[in-house]
C-alpha atoms as a PDB file:
ATOM      1  CA  UNK A   1     -16.954   7.941  -5.741  1.00  0.00           C
ATOM      2  CA  UNK A   2     -19.957   5.645  -5.771  1.00  0.00           C
ATOM      3  CA  UNK A   3     -20.335   1.904  -6.242  1.00  0.00           C
ATOM      4  CA  UNK A   4     -19.693  -1.415  -4.576  1.00  0.00           C
ATOM      5  CA  UNK A   5     -16.910  -1.588  -1.992  1.00  0.00           C
ATOM      6  CA  UNK A   6     -14.719  -3.887  -4.128  1.00  0.00           C
ATOM      7  CA  UNK A   7     -15.075  -1.486  -7.069  1.00  0.00           C
ATOM      8  CA  UNK A   8     -14.222   1.483  -4.851  1.00  0.00           C
ATOM      9  CA  UNK A   9     -11.028  -0.241  -3.730  1.00  0.00           C
ATOM     10  CA  UNK A  10      -9.924  -0.484  -7.372  1.00  0.00           C
ATOM     11  CA  UNK A  11     -10.778   3.160  -8.072  1.00  0.00           C
ATOM     12  CA  UNK A  12      -7.882   5.412  -9.048  1.00  0.00           C
ATOM     13  CA  UNK A  13      -9.875   8.363  -7.664  1.00  0.00           C
ATOM     14  CA  UNK A  14     -10.019   6.737  -4.228  1.00  0.00           C
ATOM     15  CA  UNK A  15      -6.288   5.929  -4.289  1.00  0.00           C
ATOM     16  CA  UNK A  16      -5.515   9.520  -5.258  1.00  0.00           C
ATOM     17  CA  UNK A  17      -7.725  10.893  -2.466  1.00  0.00           C
ATOM     18  CA  UNK A  18      -6.012   8.632   0.081  1.00  0.00           C
ATOM     19  CA  UNK A  19      -2.536   9.517  -1.178  1.00  0.00           C
ATOM     20  CA  UNK A  20      -3.352  13.234  -1.182  1.00  0.00           C
ATOM     21  CA  UNK A  21      -4.481  13.003   2.448  1.00  0.00           C
ATOM     22  CA  UNK A  22      -1.388  10.977   3.330  1.00  0.00           C
ATOM     23  CA  UNK A  23       0.785  13.742   1.846  1.00  0.00           C
ATOM     24  CA  UNK A  24      -1.010  16.391   3.913  1.00  0.00           C
ATOM     25  CA  UNK A  25      -0.592  14.317   7.076  1.00  0.00           C
ATOM     26  CA  UNK A  26       3.071  13.590   6.273  1.00  0.00           C
ATOM     27  CA  UNK A  27       3.796  17.284   5.792  1.00  0.00           C
ATOM     28  CA  UNK A  28       1.987  18.155   9.030  1.00  0.00           C
ATOM     29  CA  UNK A  29       4.021  15.471  10.796  1.00  0.00           C
ATOM     30  CA  UNK A  30       7.280  16.799   9.412  1.00  0.00           C
ATOM     31  CA  UNK A  31       8.170  13.663   7.452  1.00  0.00           C
ATOM     32  CA  UNK A  32      11.002  13.768   4.946  1.00  0.00           C
ATOM     33  CA  UNK A  33      10.377  12.864   1.301  1.00  0.00           C
ATOM     34  CA  UNK A  34      11.875   9.397   1.641  1.00  0.00           C
ATOM     35  CA  UNK A  35       9.524   8.645   4.551  1.00  0.00           C
ATOM     36  CA  UNK A  36       6.416   9.042   2.385  1.00  0.00           C
ATOM     37  CA  UNK A  37       4.639   6.151   0.684  1.00  0.00           C
ATOM     38  CA  UNK A  38       4.929   6.423  -3.072  1.00  0.00           C
ATOM     39  CA  UNK A  39       2.246   3.899  -3.839  1.00  0.00           C
ATOM     40  CA  UNK A  40      -0.603   2.138  -2.127  1.00  0.00           C
ATOM     41  CA  UNK A  41      -2.831  -0.853  -2.706  1.00  0.00           C
ATOM     42  CA  UNK A  42      -6.370  -0.684  -1.338  1.00  0.00           C
ATOM     43  CA  UNK A  43      -7.537  -4.195  -0.519  1.00  0.00           C
ATOM     44  CA  UNK A  44     -11.239  -5.025  -0.482  1.00  0.00           C
ATOM     45  CA  UNK A  45     -11.073  -7.499   2.405  1.00  0.00           C
ATOM     46  CA  UNK A  46     -10.352  -6.606   6.019  1.00  0.00           C
ATOM     47  CA  UNK A  47      -7.242  -8.086   7.571  1.00  0.00           C
ATOM     48  CA  UNK A  48      -8.367 -10.676  10.127  1.00  0.00           C
ATOM     49  CA  UNK A  49      -7.343 -13.738  12.093  1.00  0.00           C
ATOM     50  CA  UNK A  50      -9.721 -15.779   9.932  1.00  0.00           C
ATOM     51  CA  UNK A  51      -7.963 -14.919   6.667  1.00  0.00           C
ATOM     52  CA  UNK A  52      -4.590 -15.529   8.390  1.00  0.00           C
ATOM     53  CA  UNK A  53      -3.257 -11.987   7.923  1.00  0.00           C
ATOM     54  CA  UNK A  54      -3.402 -11.228  11.667  1.00  0.00           C
ATOM     55  CA  UNK A  55      -2.306 -13.091  14.767  1.00  0.00           C
ATOM     56  CA  UNK A  56      -4.830 -13.736  17.571  1.00  0.00           C
ATOM     57  CA  UNK A  57      -3.463 -10.547  19.206  1.00  0.00           C
ATOM     58  CA  UNK A  58      -4.185  -8.626  15.979  1.00  0.00           C
ATOM     59  CA  UNK A  59      -0.589  -8.150  14.873  1.00  0.00           C
ATOM     60  CA  UNK A  60       0.165  -8.294  11.157  1.00  0.00           C
ATOM     61  CA  UNK A  61       1.718 -11.558   9.989  1.00  0.00           C
ATOM     62  CA  UNK A  62       4.295  -9.880   7.756  1.00  0.00           C
ATOM     63  CA  UNK A  63       5.542 -12.992   5.918  1.00  0.00           C
ATOM     64  CA  UNK A  64       1.962 -14.029   5.148  1.00  0.00           C
ATOM     65  CA  UNK A  65       1.013 -10.503   4.045  1.00  0.00           C
ATOM     66  CA  UNK A  66       4.091 -10.355   1.815  1.00  0.00           C
ATOM     67  CA  UNK A  67       3.166 -13.677   0.214  1.00  0.00           C
ATOM     68  CA  UNK A  68      -0.505 -12.698  -0.258  1.00  0.00           C
ATOM     69  CA  UNK A  69       0.311  -9.265  -1.716  1.00  0.00           C
ATOM     70  CA  UNK A  70       3.531 -10.119  -3.591  1.00  0.00           C
ATOM     71  CA  UNK A  71       1.877  -9.544  -6.983  1.00  0.00           C
ATOM     72  CA  UNK A  72       0.756  -6.039  -5.955  1.00  0.00           C
ATOM     73  CA  UNK A  73       4.151  -5.255  -4.389  1.00  0.00           C
ATOM     74  CA  UNK A  74       5.975  -6.333  -7.552  1.00  0.00           C
ATOM     75  CA  UNK A  75       3.609  -4.268  -9.706  1.00  0.00           C
ATOM     76  CA  UNK A  76       4.289  -1.133  -7.642  1.00  0.00           C
ATOM     77  CA  UNK A  77       8.053  -1.587  -7.915  1.00  0.00           C
ATOM     78  CA  UNK A  78       7.805  -2.354 -11.651  1.00  0.00           C
ATOM     79  CA  UNK A  79       5.771   0.817 -12.221  1.00  0.00           C
ATOM     80  CA  UNK A  80       8.714   2.969 -11.157  1.00  0.00           C
ATOM     81  CA  UNK A  81       7.704   3.485  -7.556  1.00  0.00           C
ATOM     82  CA  UNK A  82      10.934   1.759  -6.535  1.00  0.00           C
ATOM     83  CA  UNK A  83      13.169   4.356  -8.182  1.00  0.00           C
ATOM     84  CA  UNK A  84      15.818   5.420  -5.680  1.00  0.00           C
ATOM     85  CA  UNK A  85      18.677   7.767  -6.488  1.00  0.00           C
ATOM     86  CA  UNK A  86      18.188   7.248 -10.217  1.00  0.00           C
ATOM     87  CA  UNK A  87      18.312   3.448 -10.004  1.00  0.00           C
ATOM     88  CA  UNK A  88      15.430   1.585 -11.587  1.00  0.00           C
ATOM     89  CA  UNK A  89      14.461  -2.043 -11.399  1.00  0.00           C
ATOM     90  CA  UNK A  90      15.044  -2.321  -7.670  1.00  0.00           C
ATOM     91  CA  UNK A  91      13.868  -5.528  -6.071  1.00  0.00           C
ATOM     92  CA  UNK A  92      11.845  -5.546  -2.897  1.00  0.00           C
ATOM     93  CA  UNK A  93      13.676  -7.568  -0.229  1.00  0.00           C
END
């Protein structure tokens, strides 16, 4: 995949390559099916203290990250990635 970094982050081919590798690593690590990520979002900006996604000790600010990425989270759940035991339309809590 070639192009600018921001364009690469939006690439379905890149997402598929990452997810395929995650599946290989999950299998090698003995993870169960429910422990695997069903969807990912590749962001084109590094998480940092300056953009308020990390604390000064480089820990993720989860409430801030949830607020910043809520649109992407909702889109993943709406696409069917939140289907659990045959239930659709699950809300992320």
